[in-house]
Amino acid sequence: MRRLMFALLLATTGAPVGARTVAVEERSIDQLQADMAAGKASSVDLTRAYLARIAAMDRKGPTMRSIIALNPDALAQAKGLDEERKAGRVRGPLHGVPVLIKDNIETADAMPTTAGSLALKANLTRRDAPVVAQLRAAGAVILGKTNLSEWANIRSTRSMSGWSATGGLVRNPYALDRTACGSSSGSGAAIAASFAAAAVGTETDGSVVCPSSINGLVGLKPSIGLVSRTHVVPISHSQDTPGPMARSVRDVATLLSAMVGADPADAATAGAVKRDYTAGLSASALSGLRIGVVRPEMTADVAARYQAALDVLKAAGAVLVEVKQPKLEGIGEAELLVLQTELKADLDIYLGTSPAPIATRSLDQVIAFNTANAPTEMPFFAQETFEAAAKTKGLADPAYLAARAKSLRLAGVEGIDAMLRTAGATVLVEPTYGPAWLSEPVYGDQYGGPSSSELPAIAGYPNLTVPMGLVRGLPVGLSFIATKFGEAAVLGAGYAYEQRAKARVAPRYLPSADVGPGLAGTP
């Protein structure tokens, strides 16, 4: 049914006679808004243009497989917003702008929320997650749902990032044989390919910043407590958060401004205050700013690109202070126990609210479903993380409580906070990830490079990644990290860096990475 709905909608997106052809590739939210304000395009025009681009490229052409479902009401939503504009009502900078939503976030549209799993193919809740409701209230058109690493990449330690049983394998638009990373792989690939103006992903540890970095995007993992998690398929209430992904810092700030808000159903957001995160963006924000420079182990080519980024920061007036990350022994093991324990507790609660047609009402039942449907659900990797989570002892378990306290202390007070204090800095920088690895169905993800995600994910602090150029034809990102609710600081520094570096390169949809002529040898 879902595939039929997808195909039917694609078949009906051809522009009617006399309709305008508008450009959407690499266009920013501000540019799209200016076109609509000037009468050069309507929201319907933009929506049709994005749908046509998806039709030509997502299941055809380079075959991105970044979209799981398209919203059958997207054009009607766009038409209604155009009528509001004609009547003199413009809700804000997102009015009439099409955006995509990761398919573990519920929307009230006629699209199930599957988390990529066949177990949830009938999960049509007809309710908006508060974060979606806020985007809709801000005037965004909900264009569709993006593919993802199934169950947000928590099912197995040997997973292939970007693959789900529902959507297949997302492909990287810079090199189609490379990973789009996960779990927000579809959001990353889709926005890099200009299938919408921006997208919402989710992160528990790396799932916004990794696909953003590897797909040449800006992505923000916000502080825990800034954006509601209600009606989002959960992993961990300690670390889960939706986050904005786009092609520029300003677009990310625009989306974030609409996403932030207190939600009575999510106690962590009680102190969230709405604000315009674009208001303070300035190209001079780096002048005099003290930045702690973290140098993890990395290959020489990534180190060279990182040094070039540091040179840009210094030339813009930043004061760079070298700082070493403490050893923080045991943080990984503590985080894993927290995630496994909270996965069982939180997913059981979520599944208990699912519509009647959903037969899997607990983690144990999902495990049984996967076992019974192994040829389709587990053709490449198993579910050992699910099985370990099923054996955890609940949120009152002393071992879990100790692990949460330990991981939070190591990541925050003894980690990010200590490094900022030692450097006298406002933000830290480090490479987000290295270049994309090959998508590998036999061995799973094969990656051993730098990663900026762990400490801010555990501590609940913001992590902004901004493109810093290509390494062997593949994008790499620069992370800006601050203490909790330091979004304005990381966005300001990231924006000033972006305006000077201009490091983002549009994708070329090559079959493999452009690594040069050396593979052929010397005649």
Protein backbone atom coordinates (compact mmCIF):
# COMPACT_ATOMS: atom_id res chain seq x y z
CA MET A 1 0.00 0.00 0.00
CA ARG A 2 2.78 2.42 0.91
CA ARG A 3 4.68 1.75 -2.33
CA LEU A 4 1.45 2.24 -4.30
CA MET A 5 0.75 5.55 -2.54
CA PHE A 6 4.31 6.68 -3.26
CA ALA A 7 4.04 5.73 -6.96
CA LEU A 8 0.63 7.32 -7.44
CA LEU A 9 1.74 10.61 -5.93
CA LEU A 10 4.86 10.71 -8.07
CA ALA A 11 2.73 10.06 -11.14
CA THR A 12 0.54 13.07 -10.41
CA THR A 13 3.23 15.68 -9.80
CA GLY A 14 3.67 16.77 -13.39
CA ALA A 15 3.05 20.50 -13.74
CA PRO A 16 -0.28 21.44 -15.37
CA VAL A 17 -0.34 23.37 -18.63
CA GLY A 18 0.75 26.95 -18.01
CA ALA A 19 2.37 26.21 -14.64
CA ARG A 20 5.66 27.92 -13.84
CA THR A 21 8.91 26.01 -13.75
CA VAL A 22 10.89 27.18 -10.74
CA ALA A 23 14.43 26.45 -9.64
CA VAL A 24 14.85 24.72 -6.27
CA GLU A 25 18.28 23.09 -6.49
CA GLU A 26 20.65 24.56 -3.88
CA ARG A 27 18.14 27.30 -3.03
CA SER A 28 18.05 28.58 0.55
CA ILE A 29 14.95 29.21 2.64
CA ASP A 30 15.49 32.96 2.32
CA GLN A 31 15.77 32.69 -1.47
CA LEU A 32 12.59 30.62 -1.71
CA GLN A 33 10.78 33.06 0.56
CA ALA A 34 11.98 36.00 -1.54
CA ASP A 35 10.71 34.30 -4.71
CA MET A 36 7.28 33.79 -3.16
CA ALA A 37 7.17 37.35 -1.82
CA ALA A 38 8.04 38.71 -5.27
CA GLY A 39 5.44 36.56 -7.00
CA LYS A 40 8.09 34.62 -8.92
CA ALA A 41 6.96 31.33 -7.38
CA SER A 42 4.18 30.00 -5.20
CA SER A 43 4.31 27.34 -2.54
CA VAL A 44 2.50 25.05 -4.98
CA ASP A 45 5.21 25.75 -7.57
CA LEU A 46 7.95 24.89 -5.06
CA THR A 47 6.17 21.76 -3.89
CA ARG A 48 5.68 20.54 -7.45
CA ALA A 49 9.32 21.26 -8.26
CA TYR A 50 10.59 19.25 -5.28
CA LEU A 51 8.20 16.39 -6.04
CA ALA A 52 9.37 16.33 -9.65
CA ARG A 53 12.99 16.26 -8.51
CA ILE A 54 12.23 13.35 -6.16
CA ALA A 55 10.43 11.53 -8.97
CA ALA A 56 13.45 11.91 -11.24
CA MET A 57 16.15 11.01 -8.73
CA ASP A 58 14.98 9.06 -5.68
CA ARG A 59 13.77 5.83 -7.29
CA LYS A 60 15.20 6.61 -10.72
CA GLY A 61 18.45 8.15 -11.93
CA PRO A 62 20.98 8.02 -9.08
CA THR A 63 18.33 6.14 -7.03
CA MET A 64 18.91 7.86 -3.70
CA ARG A 65 16.24 5.88 -1.77
CA SER A 66 16.10 8.78 0.68
CA ILE A 67 12.31 9.08 0.80
CA ILE A 68 10.05 6.49 2.43
CA ALA A 69 6.71 8.24 1.82
CA LEU A 70 5.37 11.38 0.20
CA ASN A 71 2.53 13.32 1.75
CA PRO A 72 -0.58 13.03 -0.43
CA ASP A 73 -1.81 16.31 1.05
CA ALA A 74 1.37 18.31 0.39
CA LEU A 75 -0.01 20.19 -2.61
CA ALA A 76 -3.24 20.96 -0.78
CA GLN A 77 -1.24 22.32 2.16
CA ALA A 78 0.81 24.45 -0.23
CA LYS A 79 -2.33 25.77 -1.91
CA GLY A 80 -3.81 26.78 1.43
CA LEU A 81 -0.64 28.64 2.39
CA ASP A 82 -0.63 30.43 -0.97
CA GLU A 83 -4.19 31.57 -0.29
CA GLU A 84 -3.11 32.88 3.11
CA ARG A 85 -0.30 34.85 1.45
CA LYS A 86 -2.72 36.36 -1.05
CA ALA A 87 -4.94 37.39 1.87
CA GLY A 88 -1.99 39.21 3.46
CA ARG A 89 -1.05 36.65 6.11
CA VAL A 90 2.53 35.40 6.12
CA ARG A 91 3.33 33.29 9.17
CA GLY A 92 7.09 33.77 9.01
CA PRO A 93 10.20 32.67 7.13
CA LEU A 94 8.94 29.08 6.72
CA HIS A 95 5.59 30.08 5.20
CA GLY A 96 5.02 27.83 2.19
CA VAL A 97 8.45 26.19 2.38
CA PRO A 98 8.49 22.37 1.88
CA VAL A 99 10.36 20.35 4.51
CA LEU A 100 10.93 16.65 5.09
CA ILE A 101 10.48 14.71 8.34
CA LYS A 102 12.42 11.62 9.43
CA ASP A 103 10.19 8.55 9.51
CA ASN A 104 10.46 7.98 13.25
CA ILE A 105 8.57 11.24 13.91
CA GLU A 106 4.78 11.18 13.73
CA THR A 107 2.77 13.51 11.53
CA ALA A 108 -1.00 13.85 11.28
CA ASP A 109 -0.82 13.32 7.52
CA ALA A 110 -1.76 10.07 5.76
CA MET A 111 1.69 8.57 6.25
CA PRO A 112 2.60 5.81 8.72
CA THR A 113 5.52 6.30 11.10
CA THR A 114 7.58 3.13 10.63
CA ALA A 115 11.09 3.81 11.99
CA GLY A 116 11.99 1.83 8.86
CA SER A 117 10.57 -1.42 10.28
CA LEU A 118 7.95 -3.62 8.66
CA ALA A 119 6.58 -4.17 12.17
CA LEU A 120 5.28 -0.58 12.10
CA LYS A 121 4.04 -0.44 8.50
CA ALA A 122 0.48 0.17 9.79
CA ASN A 123 1.51 2.77 12.39
CA LEU A 124 -0.79 5.48 11.04
CA THR A 125 -1.41 7.54 14.17
CA ARG A 126 -2.91 10.65 12.58
CA ARG A 127 -1.25 12.80 15.24
CA ASP A 128 1.44 15.42 14.92
CA ALA A 129 4.48 15.21 17.12
CA PRO A 130 4.67 18.63 18.81
CA VAL A 131 7.81 19.45 16.82
CA VAL A 132 5.87 18.82 13.58
CA ALA A 133 2.88 20.78 14.84
CA GLN A 134 5.14 23.75 15.48
CA LEU A 135 6.65 23.55 12.00
CA ARG A 136 3.17 23.32 10.51
CA ALA A 137 2.03 26.32 12.56
CA ALA A 138 5.05 28.23 11.25
CA GLY A 139 3.83 27.62 7.70
CA ALA A 140 6.02 24.73 6.60
CA VAL A 141 4.65 22.28 4.03
CA ILE A 142 5.14 18.70 5.24
CA LEU A 143 6.41 17.17 2.00
CA GLY A 144 7.06 13.61 3.14
CA LYS A 145 9.00 11.18 5.32
CA THR A 146 12.68 10.32 4.96
CA ASN A 147 14.32 6.91 5.11
CA LEU A 148 16.59 6.06 8.03
CA SER A 149 18.72 3.38 9.58
CA GLU A 150 16.04 1.02 10.87
CA TRP A 151 14.99 1.67 14.49
CA ALA A 152 17.40 4.63 14.41
CA ASN A 153 20.40 2.27 14.22
CA ILE A 154 19.93 0.68 17.66
CA ARG A 155 19.07 -2.88 16.57
CA SER A 156 22.58 -4.26 16.00
CA THR A 157 26.25 -3.46 16.52
CA ARG A 158 26.96 -4.76 12.99
CA SER A 159 24.36 -2.69 11.16
CA MET A 160 24.71 -1.09 7.76
CA SER A 161 23.92 2.59 8.29
CA GLY A 162 21.17 3.97 6.10
CA TRP A 163 19.37 0.65 5.54
CA SER A 164 15.83 -0.14 6.55
CA ALA A 165 13.56 -3.01 5.57
CA THR A 166 10.92 -0.49 4.54
CA GLY A 167 13.04 1.92 2.50
CA GLY A 168 16.13 -0.01 1.43
CA LEU A 169 19.62 1.50 1.47
CA VAL A 170 20.03 5.28 1.27
CA ARG A 171 22.85 6.27 -1.09
CA ASN A 172 25.34 9.10 -0.62
CA PRO A 173 24.93 11.76 -3.36
CA TYR A 174 28.68 12.45 -3.40
CA ALA A 175 29.57 8.81 -4.09
CA LEU A 176 26.70 6.40 -4.55
CA ASP A 177 28.60 3.40 -3.17
CA ARG A 178 29.36 5.20 0.10
CA THR A 179 27.31 5.45 3.28
CA ALA A 180 24.94 8.34 3.89
CA CYS A 181 25.53 7.58 7.59
CA GLY A 182 22.78 7.12 10.10
CA SER A 183 20.41 7.13 11.48
CA SER A 184 19.07 10.28 9.75
CA SER A 185 20.55 9.07 6.45
CA GLY A 186 17.51 9.87 4.35
CA SER A 187 17.25 13.39 5.74
CA GLY A 188 20.94 13.95 4.96
CA ALA A 189 20.92 12.56 1.42
CA ALA A 190 17.59 14.20 0.54
CA ILE A 191 18.63 17.70 1.55
CA ALA A 192 22.04 17.34 -0.10
CA ALA A 193 20.13 16.40 -3.26
CA SER A 194 17.76 19.39 -2.88
CA PHE A 195 14.63 17.28 -2.41
CA ALA A 196 13.37 19.93 0.05
CA ALA A 197 14.60 23.12 1.63
CA ALA A 198 15.43 21.46 4.96
CA ALA A 199 14.67 18.37 7.02
CA VAL A 200 14.23 17.19 10.58
CA GLY A 201 16.40 14.32 11.80
CA THR A 202 16.80 12.80 15.23
CA GLU A 203 19.92 12.02 17.25
CA THR A 204 20.75 9.81 20.19
CA ASP A 205 24.49 9.75 19.50
CA GLY A 206 25.64 10.94 16.08
CA SER A 207 22.45 10.49 14.07
CA VAL A 208 22.11 14.15 13.03
CA VAL A 209 25.73 15.27 12.94
CA CYS A 210 27.12 12.20 11.14
CA PRO A 211 24.73 12.24 8.14
CA SER A 212 24.99 16.02 8.01
CA SER A 213 28.80 15.94 7.93
CA ILE A 214 29.01 13.05 5.46
CA ASN A 215 26.40 14.57 3.11
CA GLY A 216 27.94 18.05 3.08
CA LEU A 217 25.26 19.68 5.23
CA VAL A 218 24.88 21.82 8.31
CA GLY A 219 23.21 19.89 11.11
CA LEU A 220 22.47 20.71 14.74
CA LYS A 221 22.03 18.24 17.59
CA PRO A 222 20.28 20.58 20.06
CA SER A 223 20.55 20.55 23.83
CA ILE A 224 18.26 18.03 25.50
CA GLY A 225 15.24 19.96 26.70
CA LEU A 226 15.04 22.42 23.83
CA VAL A 227 12.89 20.39 21.39
CA SER A 228 10.03 18.02 22.29
CA ARG A 229 10.43 14.26 21.82
CA THR A 230 6.73 13.39 22.23
CA HIS A 231 5.41 11.06 19.50
CA VAL A 232 8.93 10.28 18.30
CA VAL A 233 9.83 6.57 18.22
CA PRO A 234 12.27 6.47 21.15
CA ILE A 235 15.61 5.03 22.08
CA SER A 236 16.61 7.03 25.15
CA HIS A 237 14.86 9.82 27.04
CA SER A 238 18.29 10.87 28.31
CA GLN A 239 19.78 11.45 24.86
CA ASP A 240 17.09 11.53 22.11
CA THR A 241 16.32 14.80 20.36
CA PRO A 242 15.06 15.97 16.96
CA GLY A 243 17.43 18.31 15.15
CA PRO A 244 17.40 20.52 12.02
CA MET A 245 19.41 19.66 8.88
CA ALA A 246 19.91 22.03 5.93
CA ARG A 247 22.47 23.39 3.49
CA SER A 248 23.39 26.48 5.50
CA VAL A 249 23.69 27.64 9.10
CA ARG A 250 21.01 30.27 8.58
CA ASP A 251 18.54 27.67 7.30
CA VAL A 252 19.28 25.45 10.31
CA ALA A 253 18.74 28.42 12.63
CA THR A 254 15.46 29.23 10.87
CA LEU A 255 14.19 25.68 11.29
CA LEU A 256 15.36 25.49 14.91
CA SER A 257 13.52 28.70 15.76
CA ALA A 258 10.26 27.02 14.78
CA MET A 259 11.08 23.70 16.48
CA VAL A 260 11.89 24.93 19.99
CA GLY A 261 9.18 24.95 22.61
CA ALA A 262 8.00 23.63 25.97
CA ASP A 263 5.84 20.50 25.83
CA PRO A 264 3.84 19.48 28.93
CA ALA A 265 4.17 15.83 27.88
CA ASP A 266 7.99 16.06 27.81
CA ALA A 267 9.18 17.26 31.22
CA ALA A 268 12.71 17.88 29.95
CA THR A 269 11.43 20.81 27.87
CA ALA A 270 9.84 22.71 30.77
CA GLY A 271 12.42 25.49 30.50
CA ALA A 272 12.47 25.76 26.71
CA VAL A 273 11.94 29.33 25.48
CA LYS A 274 11.17 30.20 21.88
CA ARG A 275 13.52 32.68 20.22
CA ASP A 276 14.72 33.70 16.78
CA TYR A 277 18.09 32.00 16.38
CA THR A 278 18.78 33.87 13.14
CA ALA A 279 18.69 37.29 14.82
CA GLY A 280 22.21 37.16 16.24
CA LEU A 281 23.99 35.64 13.25
CA SER A 282 26.95 37.82 12.26
CA ALA A 283 29.95 37.32 9.99
CA SER A 284 32.08 39.00 12.67
CA ALA A 285 31.09 36.65 15.51
CA LEU A 286 34.53 34.98 15.59
CA SER A 287 36.40 38.18 16.40
CA GLY A 288 37.94 37.74 19.85
CA LEU A 289 36.08 34.47 20.48
CA ARG A 290 38.12 31.93 22.46
CA ILE A 291 37.83 28.46 20.94
CA GLY A 292 39.16 25.23 22.40
CA VAL A 293 40.81 23.13 19.69
CA VAL A 294 40.50 19.36 20.10
CA ARG A 295 42.75 17.17 17.93
CA PRO A 296 41.57 13.55 17.91
CA GLU A 297 43.40 10.85 15.99
CA MET A 298 42.74 11.27 12.28
CA THR A 299 44.29 10.56 8.89
CA ALA A 300 46.70 13.07 7.38
CA ASP A 301 44.23 14.26 4.74
CA VAL A 302 41.50 14.94 7.33
CA ALA A 303 44.09 16.66 9.55
CA ALA A 304 45.09 18.92 6.65
CA ARG A 305 41.47 19.89 5.99
CA TYR A 306 40.96 20.50 9.70
CA GLN A 307 44.03 22.72 9.87
CA ALA A 308 42.72 24.74 6.93
CA ALA A 309 39.48 25.25 8.86
CA LEU A 310 41.41 26.35 11.94
CA ASP A 311 43.32 28.83 9.80
CA VAL A 312 39.99 30.32 8.69
CA LEU A 313 38.87 30.66 12.32
CA LYS A 314 42.15 32.35 13.26
CA ALA A 315 42.02 34.72 10.28
CA ALA A 316 38.52 35.73 11.37
CA GLY A 317 39.89 36.82 14.75
CA ALA A 318 39.24 33.74 16.88
CA VAL A 319 41.66 32.98 19.70
CA LEU A 320 42.56 29.30 19.36
CA VAL A 321 43.59 27.37 22.46
CA GLU A 322 44.78 23.76 22.19
CA VAL A 323 43.01 21.43 24.63
CA LYS A 324 43.20 17.68 25.17
CA GLN A 325 40.17 15.54 25.82
CA PRO A 326 40.44 13.70 29.16
CA LYS A 327 40.55 9.88 29.01
CA LEU A 328 37.09 9.46 30.60
CA GLU A 329 37.50 5.71 31.06
CA GLY A 330 34.32 3.63 31.01
CA ILE A 331 32.11 6.24 29.38
CA GLY A 332 31.24 4.05 26.40
CA GLU A 333 30.18 1.09 28.52
CA ALA A 334 28.11 3.32 30.80
CA GLU A 335 26.37 4.96 27.84
CA LEU A 336 25.53 1.58 26.31
CA LEU A 337 23.84 0.35 29.49
CA VAL A 338 21.84 3.59 29.66
CA LEU A 339 20.70 3.28 26.06
CA GLN A 340 19.77 -0.39 26.34
CA THR A 341 17.84 0.10 29.60
CA GLU A 342 15.96 3.15 28.36
CA LEU A 343 15.27 1.55 24.98
CA LYS A 344 13.28 -1.25 26.59
CA ALA A 345 11.39 1.06 28.95
CA ASP A 346 10.73 3.88 26.49
CA LEU A 347 9.90 1.73 23.45
CA ASP A 348 7.44 -0.39 25.43
CA ILE A 349 5.62 2.79 26.47
CA TYR A 350 5.58 4.15 22.91
CA LEU A 351 4.37 0.90 21.35
CA GLY A 352 1.60 0.73 23.93
CA THR A 353 0.09 3.90 22.41
CA SER A 354 0.25 2.64 18.82
CA PRO A 355 -2.90 2.11 16.74
CA ALA A 356 -4.82 -1.17 17.09
CA PRO A 357 -3.47 -2.71 13.83
CA ILE A 358 0.05 -2.73 15.31
CA ALA A 359 0.60 -6.24 16.69
CA THR A 360 4.03 -5.51 18.18
CA ARG A 361 3.27 -3.84 21.51
CA SER A 362 6.65 -4.31 23.22
CA LEU A 363 10.34 -4.73 22.50
CA ASP A 364 10.00 -8.47 23.11
CA GLN A 365 7.29 -8.65 20.45
CA VAL A 366 9.42 -6.65 18.00
CA ILE A 367 12.24 -9.16 18.53
CA ALA A 368 9.82 -12.00 17.85
CA PHE A 369 8.53 -10.24 14.73
CA ASN A 370 12.06 -9.82 13.39
CA THR A 371 12.84 -13.48 14.03
CA ALA A 372 9.66 -14.58 12.27
CA ASN A 373 10.39 -12.28 9.33
CA ALA A 374 14.15 -12.73 9.20
CA PRO A 375 14.49 -12.91 5.38
CA THR A 376 13.09 -9.36 5.02
CA GLU A 377 13.98 -7.83 8.37
CA MET A 378 17.41 -9.36 8.97
CA PRO A 379 19.00 -10.13 5.58
CA PHE A 380 22.25 -8.32 6.49
CA PHE A 381 22.56 -8.04 10.27
CA ALA A 382 20.87 -9.36 13.41
CA GLN A 383 19.33 -7.79 16.52
CA GLU A 384 21.77 -8.48 19.33
CA THR A 385 21.40 -4.95 20.77
CA PHE A 386 17.63 -5.42 20.97
CA GLU A 387 18.16 -8.78 22.67
CA ALA A 388 20.56 -7.28 25.20
CA ALA A 389 18.12 -4.42 25.88
CA ALA A 390 15.31 -6.92 26.50
CA LYS A 391 17.34 -8.39 29.38
CA THR A 392 17.86 -5.07 31.22
CA LYS A 393 16.29 -4.62 34.64
CA GLY A 394 14.37 -1.36 34.35
CA LEU A 395 14.78 2.29 35.26
CA ALA A 396 15.08 1.56 39.00
CA ASP A 397 18.05 -0.80 38.48
CA PRO A 398 20.99 0.48 40.58
CA ALA A 399 23.45 -0.45 37.81
CA TYR A 400 21.50 1.66 35.31
CA LEU A 401 21.26 4.61 37.69
CA ALA A 402 24.99 4.44 38.39
CA ALA A 403 25.79 4.22 34.68
CA ARG A 404 23.66 7.27 33.90
CA ALA A 405 25.29 9.32 36.67
CA LYS A 406 28.76 8.21 35.58
CA SER A 407 28.27 8.89 31.87
CA LEU A 408 26.66 12.28 32.53
CA ARG A 409 29.50 13.31 34.86
CA LEU A 410 32.25 12.15 32.51
CA ALA A 411 30.72 13.76 29.41
CA GLY A 412 29.70 17.02 31.05
CA VAL A 413 31.54 18.15 34.19
CA GLU A 414 34.73 16.18 33.55
CA GLY A 415 34.50 16.31 29.76
CA ILE A 416 33.14 19.28 27.80
CA ASP A 417 32.85 21.60 30.80
CA ALA A 418 36.39 20.82 31.93
CA MET A 419 37.84 21.41 28.44
CA LEU A 420 36.01 24.71 28.07
CA ARG A 421 37.18 25.81 31.52
CA THR A 422 40.80 24.80 30.86
CA ALA A 423 40.84 26.72 27.59
CA GLY A 424 38.82 29.65 28.93
CA ALA A 425 36.73 29.08 25.82
CA THR A 426 33.10 29.52 24.79
CA VAL A 427 33.07 26.70 22.23
CA LEU A 428 35.13 23.67 21.28
CA VAL A 429 35.91 22.61 17.71
CA GLU A 430 36.94 19.26 16.27
CA PRO A 431 36.28 17.25 13.09
CA THR A 432 32.74 15.87 13.15
CA TYR A 433 33.56 12.64 11.33
CA GLY A 434 35.96 11.54 8.63
CA PRO A 435 34.87 10.86 5.03
CA ALA A 436 32.08 8.40 4.24
CA TRP A 437 32.97 4.72 4.28
CA LEU A 438 31.69 2.14 1.79
CA SER A 439 28.20 0.75 2.34
CA GLU A 440 28.96 -2.86 3.27
CA PRO A 441 26.18 -5.47 3.59
CA VAL A 442 28.56 -8.32 4.50
CA TYR A 443 30.60 -6.78 7.32
CA GLY A 444 28.43 -3.81 8.30
CA ASP A 445 29.75 -0.32 9.04
CA GLN A 446 33.54 -0.15 8.85
CA TYR A 447 34.72 3.12 10.38
CA GLY A 448 37.55 4.00 12.72
CA GLY A 449 38.02 7.72 12.27
CA PRO A 450 37.26 10.74 14.45
CA SER A 451 33.80 11.36 15.87
CA SER A 452 32.61 14.42 17.79
CA SER A 453 29.24 13.03 18.81
CA GLU A 454 29.69 11.06 22.04
CA LEU A 455 30.31 13.73 24.69
CA PRO A 456 27.65 16.27 23.60
CA ALA A 457 25.16 13.42 23.04
CA ILE A 458 25.60 12.04 26.55
CA ALA A 459 25.84 15.44 28.26
CA GLY A 460 22.83 16.79 26.36
CA TYR A 461 24.85 19.71 24.94
CA PRO A 462 24.61 21.25 21.44
CA ASN A 463 26.76 19.98 18.57
CA LEU A 464 26.69 21.91 15.29
CA THR A 465 28.45 20.54 12.22
CA VAL A 466 29.36 22.84 9.30
CA PRO A 467 30.99 21.74 6.02
CA MET A 468 34.76 22.21 5.91
CA GLY A 469 35.28 20.89 2.38
CA LEU A 470 36.07 17.63 0.64
CA VAL A 471 38.61 14.91 1.37
CA ARG A 472 39.16 12.67 -1.65
CA GLY A 473 35.91 13.92 -3.11
CA LEU A 474 33.90 13.26 0.08
CA PRO A 475 32.53 15.88 2.51
CA VAL A 476 33.83 16.33 6.04
CA GLY A 477 32.40 18.60 8.72
CA LEU A 478 33.64 20.85 11.52
CA SER A 479 31.87 20.54 14.88
CA PHE A 480 31.16 23.49 17.17
CA ILE A 481 30.29 22.29 20.69
CA ALA A 482 29.19 24.32 23.72
CA THR A 483 27.67 23.75 27.14
CA LYS A 484 23.94 23.20 27.60
CA PHE A 485 21.63 25.65 25.83
CA GLY A 486 24.63 27.17 24.04
CA GLU A 487 22.87 27.02 20.67
CA ALA A 488 23.31 30.74 20.01
CA ALA A 489 27.06 30.42 20.57
CA VAL A 490 27.58 27.46 18.24
CA LEU A 491 25.30 28.87 15.55
CA GLY A 492 27.04 32.26 15.73
CA ALA A 493 30.52 30.76 15.46
CA GLY A 494 29.43 28.29 12.79
CA TYR A 495 27.79 31.01 10.72
CA ALA A 496 30.86 33.27 10.83
CA TYR A 497 33.08 30.33 9.85
CA GLU A 498 30.73 29.32 7.03
CA GLN A 499 30.64 32.84 5.58
CA ARG A 500 34.44 32.96 5.39
CA ALA A 501 35.21 29.37 4.45
CA LYS A 502 32.45 28.86 1.85
CA ALA A 503 33.51 25.22 2.00
CA ARG A 504 30.31 23.45 0.97
CA VAL A 505 30.47 21.76 -2.44
CA ALA A 506 27.28 20.52 -4.15
CA PRO A 507 27.06 16.77 -4.87
CA ARG A 508 27.73 15.28 -8.33
CA TYR A 509 26.11 11.84 -7.86
CA LEU A 510 29.26 9.99 -8.88
CA PRO A 511 29.21 6.17 -8.80
CA SER A 512 32.24 6.18 -6.48
CA ALA A 513 34.47 8.71 -4.78
CA ASP A 514 36.63 10.99 -6.93
CA VAL A 515 39.95 9.85 -5.42
CA GLY A 516 42.18 10.66 -8.39
CA PRO A 517 43.95 8.54 -11.03
CA GLY A 518 46.14 6.43 -8.74
CA LEU A 519 43.94 3.33 -8.78
CA ALA A 520 44.91 2.64 -12.40
CA GLY A 521 48.61 2.55 -11.58
CA THR A 522 51.46 3.96 -13.68
CA PRO A 523 51.87 2.63 -17.25
